[in-house]
Amino acid sequence: MPNPRRGEVEAVLDGRPRTLVLTLGALAELEAAFGADDLMALAERFARGRLSARDAARIIAAGLNGAGESVTLDEVERMRAEGGAAGFAHMVANLLSATFGAEASPTGTPGPEAPPASPTVPQRA
């Protein structure tokens, strides 16, 4: 069972509940994938709220791997989510919100039981 206090979220992929979490290693993986110089640059990129389907797949793969699974980007791109594309978008928003706070999620809205925003995460005006 996911622990929201540790930034874990639950998502149903391919009909199976799974836990996702962006550990420090998963965040480092995303920094490299997105060409971000540091964690702040990564948070700012997510705060802009515009992610491609490939971006979402990378975030989900990092979250699954952070929770202890071993999946590739190609495997995640073939997975199905409840609610289709909207389900994936909601999943990514919840994961980013649990990791960075509401301001860093693609929708700008917190997921269920999201922690408060960190004072070090850039705030939108």
Protein backbone atom coordinates (compact mmCIF):
# COMPACT_ATOMS: atom_id res chain seq x y z
CA MET A 1 0.00 0.00 0.00
CA PRO A 2 1.45 3.40 -0.99
CA ASN A 3 2.50 5.83 1.72
CA PRO A 4 1.64 9.41 0.68
CA ARG A 5 3.98 10.80 3.36
CA ARG A 6 6.88 9.26 1.44
CA GLY A 7 5.65 10.66 -1.88
CA GLU A 8 4.19 7.34 -3.00
CA VAL A 9 1.07 7.20 -5.15
CA GLU A 10 -1.00 4.29 -6.39
CA ALA A 11 -1.87 3.85 -10.05
CA VAL A 12 -3.61 1.09 -11.96
CA LEU A 13 -1.61 0.06 -15.02
CA ASP A 14 -2.61 -2.86 -17.21
CA GLY A 15 -5.37 -3.60 -14.71
CA ARG A 16 -2.97 -4.01 -11.80
CA PRO A 17 -2.46 -1.61 -8.87
CA ARG A 18 1.12 -0.39 -8.66
CA THR A 19 3.05 2.02 -6.50
CA LEU A 20 5.02 4.90 -8.00
CA VAL A 21 7.54 7.12 -6.20
CA LEU A 22 10.14 9.55 -7.44
CA THR A 23 13.15 8.68 -5.32
CA LEU A 24 16.35 10.69 -5.57
CA GLY A 25 17.65 8.15 -8.09
CA ALA A 26 14.44 8.42 -10.13
CA LEU A 27 14.73 12.22 -10.09
CA ALA A 28 18.36 11.97 -11.26
CA GLU A 29 17.13 9.73 -14.09
CA LEU A 30 14.58 12.39 -15.06
CA GLU A 31 17.18 15.18 -14.86
CA ALA A 32 19.30 13.27 -17.39
CA ALA A 33 16.32 12.42 -19.63
CA PHE A 34 15.07 16.02 -19.73
CA GLY A 35 18.51 17.68 -19.83
CA ALA A 36 17.85 19.54 -16.58
CA ASP A 37 20.92 20.95 -14.85
CA ASP A 38 19.53 20.41 -11.36
CA LEU A 39 16.44 19.55 -9.35
CA MET A 40 15.15 23.14 -9.44
CA ALA A 41 15.33 23.19 -13.25
CA LEU A 42 13.41 19.91 -13.31
CA ALA A 43 10.71 21.28 -10.98
CA GLU A 44 10.45 24.45 -13.09
CA ARG A 45 10.01 22.36 -16.25
CA PHE A 46 7.17 20.42 -14.66
CA ALA A 47 5.60 23.62 -13.27
CA ARG A 48 5.11 24.91 -16.82
CA GLY A 49 2.35 22.31 -17.15
CA ARG A 50 3.13 21.16 -20.70
CA LEU A 51 4.26 17.56 -20.99
CA SER A 52 4.29 15.31 -24.03
CA ALA A 53 3.10 11.71 -23.98
CA ARG A 54 6.77 10.65 -24.04
CA ASP A 55 7.45 12.94 -21.04
CA ALA A 56 4.57 11.30 -19.15
CA ALA A 57 5.89 7.83 -20.00
CA ARG A 58 9.36 8.79 -18.72
CA ILE A 59 7.90 10.11 -15.45
CA ILE A 60 5.78 6.97 -14.97
CA ALA A 61 8.75 4.70 -15.74
CA ALA A 62 10.91 6.60 -13.24
CA GLY A 63 8.13 6.34 -10.64
CA LEU A 64 7.72 2.61 -11.16
CA ASN A 65 11.48 2.05 -11.03
CA GLY A 66 11.71 4.25 -7.94
CA ALA A 67 9.16 1.97 -6.26
CA GLY A 68 11.28 -1.09 -7.00
CA GLU A 69 9.96 -2.33 -10.33
CA SER A 70 12.26 -2.80 -13.28
CA VAL A 71 10.55 -1.42 -16.36
CA THR A 72 11.80 0.21 -19.52
CA LEU A 73 10.38 3.25 -21.24
CA ASP A 74 9.20 1.02 -24.09
CA GLU A 75 7.29 -1.20 -21.65
CA VAL A 76 5.58 1.79 -20.06
CA GLU A 77 4.61 3.16 -23.49
CA ARG A 78 2.70 -0.07 -24.15
CA MET A 79 0.86 -0.04 -20.80
CA ARG A 80 -2.78 0.93 -20.43
CA ALA A 81 -4.27 3.10 -17.72
CA GLU A 82 -7.79 3.37 -16.43
CA GLY A 83 -9.27 6.43 -18.13
CA GLY A 84 -6.90 6.29 -21.11
CA ALA A 85 -4.84 9.41 -21.79
CA ALA A 86 -6.68 11.33 -19.07
CA GLY A 87 -5.80 8.53 -16.64
CA PHE A 88 -2.12 8.87 -17.50
CA ALA A 89 -2.26 12.65 -17.11
CA HIS A 90 -3.94 12.30 -13.70
CA MET A 91 -1.34 9.71 -12.65
CA VAL A 92 1.55 12.00 -13.60
CA ALA A 93 -0.10 15.01 -11.91
CA ASN A 94 -0.56 13.03 -8.68
CA LEU A 95 3.02 11.77 -8.73
CA LEU A 96 4.52 15.22 -9.37
CA SER A 97 2.25 16.77 -6.76
CA ALA A 98 3.31 14.15 -4.18
CA THR A 99 6.96 14.82 -5.02
CA PHE A 100 7.15 18.59 -5.46
CA GLY A 101 3.83 19.98 -4.26
CA ALA A 102 0.83 21.24 -6.25
CA GLU A 103 2.73 23.97 -8.09
CA ALA A 104 4.94 21.43 -9.87
CA SER A 105 2.16 19.22 -11.22
CA PRO A 106 1.20 19.56 -14.89
CA THR A 107 -2.32 20.62 -13.95
CA GLY A 108 -1.32 22.76 -10.98
CA THR A 109 -3.81 20.89 -8.82
CA PRO A 110 -2.86 18.60 -6.00
CA GLY A 111 -3.66 14.92 -6.07
CA PRO A 112 -5.31 13.17 -3.18
CA GLU A 113 -3.38 13.51 0.06
CA ALA A 114 -0.68 15.59 -1.62
CA PRO A 115 1.86 17.13 0.77
CA PRO A 116 2.05 20.91 1.00
CA ALA A 117 4.28 22.67 -1.50
CA SER A 118 7.92 22.97 -0.55
CA PRO A 119 9.09 26.55 -0.04
CA THR A 120 12.05 25.81 -2.35
CA VAL A 121 9.87 24.86 -5.33
CA PRO A 122 9.24 27.83 -7.66
CA GLN A 123 5.75 29.24 -7.19
CA ARG A 124 3.55 30.37 -10.08
CA ALA A 125 2.37 33.94 -10.01
